[in-house]
Structure formats: C-alpha cells, structure tokens
Amino acid sequence: MIAAPGWRAAVQRVEHLARRAALAALAEAGRTGAMTVLLADDRALRRLNGGYRGKAKPTNVLSFPSGMPRHLGDVALALGVVRREARGAGRRTHAHLAHLVAHGALHLTGHDHILAGEARRMERAEARVMRRLGLPNPWRGLT
C-alpha cells in the first residue's frame, strides 16, 4: 500500500520491488503467508512508533506480527527516513528499501536482533535475500 505518493518518485516500480523483497525474505525463512507493506511518510511512522513503541520520532521500518494463521503481519516504512539513511550510507534508495522490507518481513517470520547471535543470523539472512534480488549486501564494508 502506498500512503505517501513520493515513494513512486523515489523508487521506480516501488510496488514490484517491495513485493519481490518480501517474497525473497519469506523464501529465505522457509515461510509462506500474506503480509502487508505500507509505504508511508515520516509523520505516519512517527505516529505508529509513538503509539506502539512509545518513541516520539519516525523510524525506518516497523513490523507488526498478526498472530493469524495465514496473515504474517504488516510492515511499515517511512520515506524520509529511508531516503536520509540511504544517502548517509552512500546507498541507493531502492536498495535500502528492499533491505528494510526484507528486514521487516524477517521479523514477521520470527527473526530478531536483540542478542548478538540473533543479530548475526538475521544479518546473514538479509544478505542472502539481497543476493537473491541482485542487490548489494547492506552489511559489506561496515565496521
């Protein structure tokens, strides 16, 4: 779902890329099911982040597991935050979007990054998803 029309200007064929990233992440996790990806603006993510996490600022991606059998949940992304992060990291917006959709989808399948071992497993899974998509590993070159 595109709630912020700026996504279409920021990323060519944004719906197609988000769908491919979500499906690649589900395949990586060996899961099937439906999920919703909301491409929103910073204001919407600030509201969601405040309401669900008590943080009064926008964030790049939020995941909301559904607990329903065939619907894994929802993932929401903030256009401004995604653009700023991509620019700051010297990455292309479309690659950062794909990475964050995969990140959110992996959360819906049970991945997490609170503990160091979990974080390494999730980063490796994200790198494999990006390879499936033909996009750069977001973790390569980081110290």
C-alpha atoms as a PDB file:
ATOM      1  CA  MET A   1       0.000   0.000   0.000  1.00  0.00           C
ATOM      2  CA  ILE A   2       1.350   3.392  -0.925  1.00  0.00           C
ATOM      3  CA  ALA A   3       0.204   6.021   1.557  1.00  0.00           C
ATOM      4  CA  ALA A   4       2.894   8.552   0.576  1.00  0.00           C
ATOM      5  CA  PRO A   5       2.911   9.208  -3.179  1.00  0.00           C
ATOM      6  CA  GLY A   6       6.558  10.331  -3.004  1.00  0.00           C
ATOM      7  CA  TRP A   7       7.567   6.661  -2.954  1.00  0.00           C
ATOM      8  CA  ARG A   8       6.740   6.366  -6.661  1.00  0.00           C
ATOM      9  CA  ALA A   9       9.090   9.239  -7.486  1.00  0.00           C
ATOM     10  CA  ALA A  10      11.819   7.913  -5.171  1.00  0.00           C
ATOM     11  CA  VAL A  11      11.872   4.300  -6.423  1.00  0.00           C
ATOM     12  CA  GLN A  12      10.964   3.033  -9.882  1.00  0.00           C
ATOM     13  CA  ARG A  13       8.333   0.282  -9.774  1.00  0.00           C
ATOM     14  CA  VAL A  14       8.286   0.548  -5.993  1.00  0.00           C
ATOM     15  CA  GLU A  15       5.383  -1.891  -5.511  1.00  0.00           C
ATOM     16  CA  HIS A  16       7.155  -4.540  -7.585  1.00  0.00           C
ATOM     17  CA  LEU A  17      10.413  -4.136  -5.648  1.00  0.00           C
ATOM     18  CA  ALA A  18       8.660  -4.258  -2.253  1.00  0.00           C
ATOM     19  CA  ARG A  19       6.780  -7.413  -3.297  1.00  0.00           C
ATOM     20  CA  ARG A  20       9.976  -9.102  -4.552  1.00  0.00           C
ATOM     21  CA  ALA A  21      11.855  -8.223  -1.344  1.00  0.00           C
ATOM     22  CA  ALA A  22       9.043  -9.527   0.866  1.00  0.00           C
ATOM     23  CA  LEU A  23       8.737 -12.774  -1.092  1.00  0.00           C
ATOM     24  CA  ALA A  24      12.506 -13.308  -1.080  1.00  0.00           C
ATOM     25  CA  ALA A  25      12.597 -12.825   2.694  1.00  0.00           C
ATOM     26  CA  LEU A  26       9.741 -15.287   3.212  1.00  0.00           C
ATOM     27  CA  ALA A  27      11.506 -17.811   0.956  1.00  0.00           C
ATOM     28  CA  GLU A  28      14.738 -17.307   2.938  1.00  0.00           C
ATOM     29  CA  ALA A  29      12.828 -18.046   6.139  1.00  0.00           C
ATOM     30  CA  GLY A  30      11.036 -21.036   4.582  1.00  0.00           C
ATOM     31  CA  ARG A  31       7.655 -19.447   5.248  1.00  0.00           C
ATOM     32  CA  THR A  32       4.563 -18.692   3.234  1.00  0.00           C
ATOM     33  CA  GLY A  33       1.686 -16.399   4.001  1.00  0.00           C
ATOM     34  CA  ALA A  34       0.357 -12.954   3.344  1.00  0.00           C
ATOM     35  CA  MET A  35       1.723  -9.693   4.617  1.00  0.00           C
ATOM     36  CA  THR A  36       1.021  -6.029   4.021  1.00  0.00           C
ATOM     37  CA  VAL A  37       3.741  -3.490   3.252  1.00  0.00           C
ATOM     38  CA  LEU A  38       2.773   0.116   3.964  1.00  0.00           C
ATOM     39  CA  LEU A  39       4.926   2.726   2.236  1.00  0.00           C
ATOM     40  CA  ALA A  40       4.203   5.819   4.280  1.00  0.00           C
ATOM     41  CA  ASP A  41       5.750   9.138   5.225  1.00  0.00           C
ATOM     42  CA  ASP A  42       7.705  10.080   8.332  1.00  0.00           C
ATOM     43  CA  ARG A  43       4.630  11.537  10.038  1.00  0.00           C
ATOM     44  CA  ALA A  44       2.742   8.255   9.814  1.00  0.00           C
ATOM     45  CA  LEU A  45       5.711   6.277  11.146  1.00  0.00           C
ATOM     46  CA  ARG A  46       6.194   8.789  13.971  1.00  0.00           C
ATOM     47  CA  ARG A  47       2.556   8.174  14.996  1.00  0.00           C
ATOM     48  CA  LEU A  48       2.950   4.396  14.774  1.00  0.00           C
ATOM     49  CA  ASN A  49       6.288   4.426  16.594  1.00  0.00           C
ATOM     50  CA  GLY A  50       4.807   6.605  19.333  1.00  0.00           C
ATOM     51  CA  GLY A  51       1.655   4.547  19.676  1.00  0.00           C
ATOM     52  CA  TYR A  52       3.267   1.113  19.674  1.00  0.00           C
ATOM     53  CA  ARG A  53       6.776   1.693  20.981  1.00  0.00           C
ATOM     54  CA  GLY A  54       6.428   4.917  22.980  1.00  0.00           C
ATOM     55  CA  LYS A  55       9.044   6.690  20.854  1.00  0.00           C
ATOM     56  CA  ALA A  56       8.068  10.148  19.582  1.00  0.00           C
ATOM     57  CA  LYS A  57      10.090  10.035  16.369  1.00  0.00           C
ATOM     58  CA  PRO A  58       9.821   8.362  12.987  1.00  0.00           C
ATOM     59  CA  THR A  59      11.784   5.203  12.356  1.00  0.00           C
ATOM     60  CA  ASN A  60      12.786   3.480   9.132  1.00  0.00           C
ATOM     61  CA  VAL A  61      10.708   0.297   9.451  1.00  0.00           C
ATOM     62  CA  LEU A  62       8.212  -1.216  11.865  1.00  0.00           C
ATOM     63  CA  SER A  63       6.897  -4.778  11.876  1.00  0.00           C
ATOM     64  CA  PHE A  64       3.571  -5.857  13.343  1.00  0.00           C
ATOM     65  CA  PRO A  65       3.089  -9.653  13.580  1.00  0.00           C
ATOM     66  CA  SER A  66      -0.573 -10.569  13.193  1.00  0.00           C
ATOM     67  CA  GLY A  67      -0.922 -13.823  15.076  1.00  0.00           C
ATOM     68  CA  MET A  68      -3.387 -15.005  12.422  1.00  0.00           C
ATOM     69  CA  PRO A  69      -2.761 -18.304  10.614  1.00  0.00           C
ATOM     70  CA  ARG A  70      -2.253 -17.162   7.028  1.00  0.00           C
ATOM     71  CA  HIS A  71      -1.503 -13.467   7.541  1.00  0.00           C
ATOM     72  CA  LEU A  72       2.010 -12.980   8.911  1.00  0.00           C
ATOM     73  CA  GLY A  73       1.528  -9.295   9.662  1.00  0.00           C
ATOM     74  CA  ASP A  74       2.314  -5.813   8.465  1.00  0.00           C
ATOM     75  CA  VAL A  75       5.480  -3.871   7.712  1.00  0.00           C
ATOM     76  CA  ALA A  76       5.542  -0.063   7.518  1.00  0.00           C
ATOM     77  CA  LEU A  77       8.331   2.144   6.123  1.00  0.00           C
ATOM     78  CA  ALA A  78       8.961   5.912   6.300  1.00  0.00           C
ATOM     79  CA  LEU A  79      10.008   7.558   3.053  1.00  0.00           C
ATOM     80  CA  GLY A  80      12.015  10.425   4.536  1.00  0.00           C
ATOM     81  CA  VAL A  81      13.928   8.238   6.962  1.00  0.00           C
ATOM     82  CA  VAL A  82      14.684   5.660   4.264  1.00  0.00           C
ATOM     83  CA  ARG A  83      15.944   8.365   1.899  1.00  0.00           C
ATOM     84  CA  ARG A  84      18.122  10.026   4.554  1.00  0.00           C
ATOM     85  CA  GLU A  85      19.615   6.728   5.691  1.00  0.00           C
ATOM     86  CA  ALA A  86      20.350   5.645   2.121  1.00  0.00           C
ATOM     87  CA  ARG A  87      22.010   8.965   1.323  1.00  0.00           C
ATOM     88  CA  GLY A  88      24.004   8.891   4.585  1.00  0.00           C
ATOM     89  CA  ALA A  89      25.270   5.381   3.886  1.00  0.00           C
ATOM     90  CA  GLY A  90      26.066   6.080   0.232  1.00  0.00           C
ATOM     91  CA  ARG A  91      23.425   3.605  -0.907  1.00  0.00           C
ATOM     92  CA  ARG A  92      20.676   3.819  -3.476  1.00  0.00           C
ATOM     93  CA  THR A  93      17.156   4.357  -2.120  1.00  0.00           C
ATOM     94  CA  HIS A  94      15.765   1.309  -3.925  1.00  0.00           C
ATOM     95  CA  ALA A  95      18.413  -0.984  -2.387  1.00  0.00           C
ATOM     96  CA  HIS A  96      17.790   0.391   1.112  1.00  0.00           C
ATOM     97  CA  LEU A  97      14.034  -0.020   0.634  1.00  0.00           C
ATOM     98  CA  ALA A  98      14.497  -3.658  -0.413  1.00  0.00           C
ATOM     99  CA  HIS A  99      16.748  -4.304   2.579  1.00  0.00           C
ATOM    100  CA  LEU A 100      14.261  -2.789   5.027  1.00  0.00           C
ATOM    101  CA  VAL A 101      11.282  -4.647   3.553  1.00  0.00           C
ATOM    102  CA  ALA A 102      13.292  -7.872   3.893  1.00  0.00           C
ATOM    103  CA  HIS A 103      14.263  -6.886   7.446  1.00  0.00           C
ATOM    104  CA  GLY A 104      10.642  -6.284   8.399  1.00  0.00           C
ATOM    105  CA  ALA A 105       9.459  -9.487   6.718  1.00  0.00           C
ATOM    106  CA  LEU A 106      12.136 -11.496   8.533  1.00  0.00           C
ATOM    107  CA  HIS A 107      10.870 -10.055  11.824  1.00  0.00           C
ATOM    108  CA  LEU A 108       7.402 -11.361  10.912  1.00  0.00           C
ATOM    109  CA  THR A 109       8.889 -14.845  10.494  1.00  0.00           C
ATOM    110  CA  GLY A 110      10.493 -14.814  13.948  1.00  0.00           C
ATOM    111  CA  HIS A 111      13.936 -13.342  13.311  1.00  0.00           C
ATOM    112  CA  ASP A 112      15.239 -10.777  15.764  1.00  0.00           C
ATOM    113  CA  HIS A 113      18.429  -8.867  16.521  1.00  0.00           C
ATOM    114  CA  ILE A 114      18.334  -8.186  20.240  1.00  0.00           C
ATOM    115  CA  LEU A 115      21.115 -10.630  21.123  1.00  0.00           C
ATOM    116  CA  ALA A 116      24.440 -10.689  19.265  1.00  0.00           C
ATOM    117  CA  GLY A 117      23.942 -14.229  17.883  1.00  0.00           C
ATOM    118  CA  GLU A 118      20.432 -13.396  16.687  1.00  0.00           C
ATOM    119  CA  ALA A 119      21.698 -10.217  15.049  1.00  0.00           C
ATOM    120  CA  ARG A 120      24.409 -12.100  13.126  1.00  0.00           C
ATOM    121  CA  ARG A 121      21.892 -14.710  11.922  1.00  0.00           C
ATOM    122  CA  MET A 122      19.473 -12.008  10.822  1.00  0.00           C
ATOM    123  CA  GLU A 123      22.203 -10.029   9.029  1.00  0.00           C
ATOM    124  CA  ARG A 124      23.291 -13.170   7.152  1.00  0.00           C
ATOM    125  CA  ALA A 125      19.670 -13.863   6.174  1.00  0.00           C
ATOM    126  CA  GLU A 126      19.284 -10.267   4.951  1.00  0.00           C
ATOM    127  CA  ALA A 127      22.493 -10.557   2.920  1.00  0.00           C
ATOM    128  CA  ARG A 128      21.179 -13.748   1.270  1.00  0.00           C
ATOM    129  CA  VAL A 129      17.873 -12.024   0.438  1.00  0.00           C
ATOM    130  CA  MET A 130      19.727  -9.107  -1.141  1.00  0.00           C
ATOM    131  CA  ARG A 131      21.834 -11.534  -3.182  1.00  0.00           C
ATOM    132  CA  ARG A 132      18.606 -13.202  -4.424  1.00  0.00           C
ATOM    133  CA  LEU A 133      17.417  -9.759  -5.518  1.00  0.00           C
ATOM    134  CA  GLY A 134      20.714  -8.950  -7.236  1.00  0.00           C
ATOM    135  CA  LEU A 135      21.331  -6.044  -4.856  1.00  0.00           C
ATOM    136  CA  PRO A 136      24.396  -5.213  -2.735  1.00  0.00           C
ATOM    137  CA  ASN A 137      24.926  -6.719   0.702  1.00  0.00           C
ATOM    138  CA  PRO A 138      23.962  -3.921   3.134  1.00  0.00           C
ATOM    139  CA  TRP A 139      26.428  -5.235   5.723  1.00  0.00           C
ATOM    140  CA  ARG A 140      29.502  -5.355   3.490  1.00  0.00           C
ATOM    141  CA  GLY A 141      32.049  -2.699   4.301  1.00  0.00           C
ATOM    142  CA  LEU A 142      30.617  -1.848   7.725  1.00  0.00           C
ATOM    143  CA  THR A 143      32.890  -1.921  10.731  1.00  0.00           C
END
